[in-house]
Structures are given as structure tokens and as C-alpha cells.
N, C-alpha and C. Protein backbone atom coordinates (compact mmCIF):
# COMPACT_ATOMS: atom_id res chain seq x y z
N ALA A 1 0.85 -1.67 0.02
CA ALA A 1 -0.42 0.27 -0.02
C ALA A 1 1.05 1.36 -0.16
N LEU A 2 0.68 2.13 -0.98
CA LEU A 2 0.95 3.54 -0.70
C LEU A 2 0.29 4.79 -0.20
N THR A 3 0.22 5.39 0.52
CA THR A 3 -0.31 6.58 0.88
C THR A 3 0.88 7.76 0.46
N VAL A 4 0.39 9.13 0.29
CA VAL A 4 1.11 10.06 0.19
C VAL A 4 0.62 11.56 0.66
N GLY A 5 0.64 12.02 1.29
CA GLY A 5 0.12 13.27 2.16
C GLY A 5 1.33 14.43 2.32
N ALA A 6 0.62 15.41 2.87
CA ALA A 6 1.47 16.87 3.40
C ALA A 6 1.35 17.33 4.51
N PRO A 7 1.68 17.78 5.62
CA PRO A 7 1.83 18.44 6.86
C PRO A 7 0.17 18.60 7.32
N ALA A 8 -0.92 17.74 8.32
CA ALA A 8 -2.09 18.98 8.17
C ALA A 8 -1.80 19.95 9.43
N PRO A 9 -3.01 21.04 9.12
CA PRO A 9 -2.57 22.29 9.50
C PRO A 9 -2.83 22.39 10.74
N THR A 10 -2.43 21.05 11.92
CA THR A 10 -2.78 21.02 12.74
C THR A 10 -2.36 22.22 13.98
N GLU A 11 -2.29 22.57 15.40
CA GLU A 11 -2.14 23.74 15.80
C GLU A 11 -0.20 23.23 17.01
N ALA A 12 0.40 24.01 16.19
CA ALA A 12 1.54 24.20 17.13
C ALA A 12 1.66 22.72 18.11
N ARG A 13 2.95 21.81 18.63
CA ARG A 13 2.89 21.45 19.37
C ARG A 13 4.06 20.65 20.24
N ASP A 14 4.49 20.59 20.97
CA ASP A 14 5.87 19.70 21.15
C ASP A 14 6.17 18.75 20.14
N VAL A 15 5.14 17.80 20.46
CA VAL A 15 5.07 16.34 19.92
C VAL A 15 4.77 16.42 18.26
N VAL A 16 4.63 17.27 17.63
CA VAL A 16 4.52 17.56 15.87
C VAL A 16 5.48 18.48 15.68
N ASP A 17 5.71 17.40 14.32
CA ASP A 17 7.00 17.77 13.70
C ASP A 17 6.37 18.56 12.61
N HIS A 18 6.62 19.23 12.03
CA HIS A 18 6.20 20.61 10.58
C HIS A 18 6.77 20.58 9.75
N SER A 19 7.51 19.93 10.38
CA SER A 19 9.46 20.84 9.30
C SER A 19 9.51 20.08 7.77
N TRP A 20 8.94 19.27 7.71
CA TRP A 20 8.19 18.37 6.57
C TRP A 20 7.50 18.83 5.73
N ALA A 21 7.58 18.47 3.89
CA ALA A 21 6.86 18.54 2.79
C ALA A 21 6.45 17.90 2.60
N VAL A 22 6.15 16.81 2.34
CA VAL A 22 5.57 15.28 1.88
C VAL A 22 5.79 14.23 2.08
N SER A 23 5.06 13.65 2.96
CA SER A 23 5.04 12.51 3.32
C SER A 23 4.94 10.97 2.32
N GLU A 24 5.39 10.00 2.44
CA GLU A 24 4.68 8.87 1.52
C GLU A 24 5.12 7.51 2.78
N ALA A 25 3.92 6.70 2.72
CA ALA A 25 4.02 5.77 3.67
C ALA A 25 3.79 4.46 3.10
N MET A 26 4.57 3.55 2.98
CA MET A 26 4.86 2.31 2.18
C MET A 26 4.57 1.01 3.10
N THR A 27 3.33 0.05 2.98
CA THR A 27 3.00 -0.54 3.76
C THR A 27 3.23 -1.87 2.68
N PHE A 28 4.46 -2.82 3.39
CA PHE A 28 4.91 -4.15 3.00
C PHE A 28 4.22 -5.48 3.58
N ASP A 29 3.71 -6.49 2.43
CA ASP A 29 3.50 -7.73 3.18
C ASP A 29 4.59 -8.28 3.77
N SER A 30 5.64 -8.32 3.92
CA SER A 30 6.99 -8.81 4.13
C SER A 30 8.24 -8.28 4.24
N LEU A 31 9.14 -8.63 5.15
CA LEU A 31 10.32 -7.67 4.78
C LEU A 31 10.53 -8.04 3.44
N ALA A 32 10.65 -9.39 2.94
CA ALA A 32 11.38 -9.58 1.60
C ALA A 32 10.88 -8.93 0.95
N ASP A 33 9.54 -8.83 0.72
CA ASP A 33 8.61 -7.67 -0.11
C ASP A 33 9.69 -6.38 -0.01
N GLN A 34 9.75 -5.78 1.15
CA GLN A 34 10.46 -4.75 1.88
C GLN A 34 11.97 -4.51 1.03
N ALA A 35 12.40 -5.81 0.85
CA ALA A 35 13.78 -5.66 0.29
C ALA A 35 13.76 -5.79 -0.78
N ASP A 36 13.01 -6.47 -1.92
CA ASP A 36 12.85 -6.83 -3.13
C ASP A 36 12.63 -4.89 -4.13
N TYR A 37 12.22 -4.46 -2.81
CA TYR A 37 11.65 -3.04 -3.52
C TYR A 37 12.45 -2.13 -3.12
N GLN A 38 13.48 -1.66 -2.31
CA GLN A 38 14.61 -1.27 -2.12
C GLN A 38 15.48 -1.79 -3.39
N VAL A 39 15.58 -2.96 -4.13
CA VAL A 39 16.71 -3.03 -5.13
C VAL A 39 15.64 -2.79 -6.66
N HIS A 40 14.78 -2.46 -6.85
CA HIS A 40 13.79 -2.92 -8.05
C HIS A 40 14.02 -2.29 -8.97
N PRO A 41 14.62 -2.37 -10.18
CA PRO A 41 14.71 -1.22 -10.91
C PRO A 41 13.91 -0.17 -11.30
N LEU A 42 12.28 -0.33 -10.61
CA LEU A 42 12.08 1.20 -10.98
C LEU A 42 12.01 1.99 -9.68
N HIS A 43 12.16 1.13 -8.82
CA HIS A 43 12.81 2.54 -7.83
C HIS A 43 14.13 2.72 -8.19
N GLN A 44 15.32 2.19 -8.30
CA GLN A 44 16.51 2.78 -8.60
C GLN A 44 16.03 4.07 -9.64
N ALA A 45 15.37 3.78 -10.61
CA ALA A 45 15.20 4.62 -11.97
C ALA A 45 14.87 6.07 -11.66
N PHE A 46 13.41 5.90 -9.95
CA PHE A 46 12.67 6.70 -9.78
C PHE A 46 13.94 7.43 -8.60
N ILE A 47 15.37 6.80 -8.09
CA ILE A 47 15.86 7.84 -7.23
C ILE A 47 16.50 8.49 -8.38
N ALA A 48 17.21 7.47 -9.26
CA ALA A 48 18.40 8.47 -10.36
C ALA A 48 17.58 10.19 -10.76
N ALA A 49 16.38 9.27 -11.62
CA ALA A 49 15.54 10.85 -12.24
C ALA A 49 15.21 11.89 -11.20
N CYS A 50 14.59 11.52 -9.57
CA CYS A 50 14.27 12.45 -8.92
C CYS A 50 15.03 12.54 -7.76
N GLY A 51 15.95 12.48 -7.29
CA GLY A 51 16.95 12.35 -6.36
C GLY A 51 17.02 14.16 -5.37
N ASN A 52 17.84 14.43 -6.42
CA ASN A 52 17.62 16.13 -6.72
C ASN A 52 16.59 16.59 -6.37
N LEU A 53 15.53 16.52 -5.81
CA LEU A 53 14.32 17.01 -6.22
C LEU A 53 14.42 16.94 -4.52
N TRP A 54 14.84 16.47 -3.62
CA TRP A 54 15.06 16.37 -1.98
C TRP A 54 15.93 16.85 -1.00
N GLU A 55 16.11 17.17 -0.31
CA GLU A 55 17.41 17.50 0.81
C GLU A 55 17.95 16.52 1.39
N ARG A 56 16.99 15.71 1.83
CA ARG A 56 17.15 14.61 3.06
C ARG A 56 15.73 13.69 2.48
N VAL A 57 16.39 12.07 3.21
CA VAL A 57 15.02 11.44 2.95
C VAL A 57 15.37 10.75 4.70
N LEU A 58 13.52 10.50 5.34
CA LEU A 58 13.93 10.47 6.59
C LEU A 58 12.94 8.58 6.37
N VAL A 59 13.30 7.65 6.81
CA VAL A 59 12.82 6.16 7.16
C VAL A 59 12.80 6.25 8.34
N TYR A 60 11.18 5.41 8.66
CA TYR A 60 10.97 4.87 9.81
C TYR A 60 10.35 3.89 9.58
N ASP A 61 11.23 2.54 9.87
CA ASP A 61 10.69 1.21 9.27
C ASP A 61 10.38 0.78 10.93
N ILE A 62 8.87 0.21 10.36
CA ILE A 62 8.56 -0.60 11.45
C ILE A 62 7.87 -1.82 11.61
N VAL A 63 7.34 -2.10 12.27
CA VAL A 63 6.94 -3.62 12.40
C VAL A 63 5.18 -3.66 13.12
N ASP A 64 4.51 -4.02 12.65
CA ASP A 64 2.86 -3.49 12.66
C ASP A 64 3.19 -4.59 14.38
N ALA A 65 2.73 -4.19 15.44
CA ALA A 65 2.40 -4.65 16.90
C ALA A 65 0.79 -5.77 16.37
N ALA A 66 0.45 -5.66 15.58
CA ALA A 66 -0.58 -6.52 15.74
C ALA A 66 -0.05 -7.88 15.52
């Protein structure tokens, strides 16, 4: 699954990070699927073509606790 969005216009609070412009959340069925995505030619082509558009990328890898 893939979700893309911008920061919500919520009130300023110490725990809310409004320092970003675009967020992308991806969900994979398995760690193997996520690893395959990292080296997939389409993903690598996207990085090569668009990597100049961002200053930094932050990744938060999580495992569903359910």
C-alpha cells in the first residue's frame, strides 16, 4: 500500500513535527517484499531521476504490533 500526503494544519505542539513538506507511507506484506522494493529497477530509476528534488530522506521502518 502507498499513501502520500502533506502536513495537516494542526496546532503547534512540541510533539508535532511540521518541518516536512511531503510524506510517503508504504506498507509491505513482508520484510522480503520491502527488501525487493529497495533494489527494484523502477525504484532505482526513480531515485536516479528525482533524487535531486529532495535535501534529505528520513525513513522510519516499523513492524506492525498486531
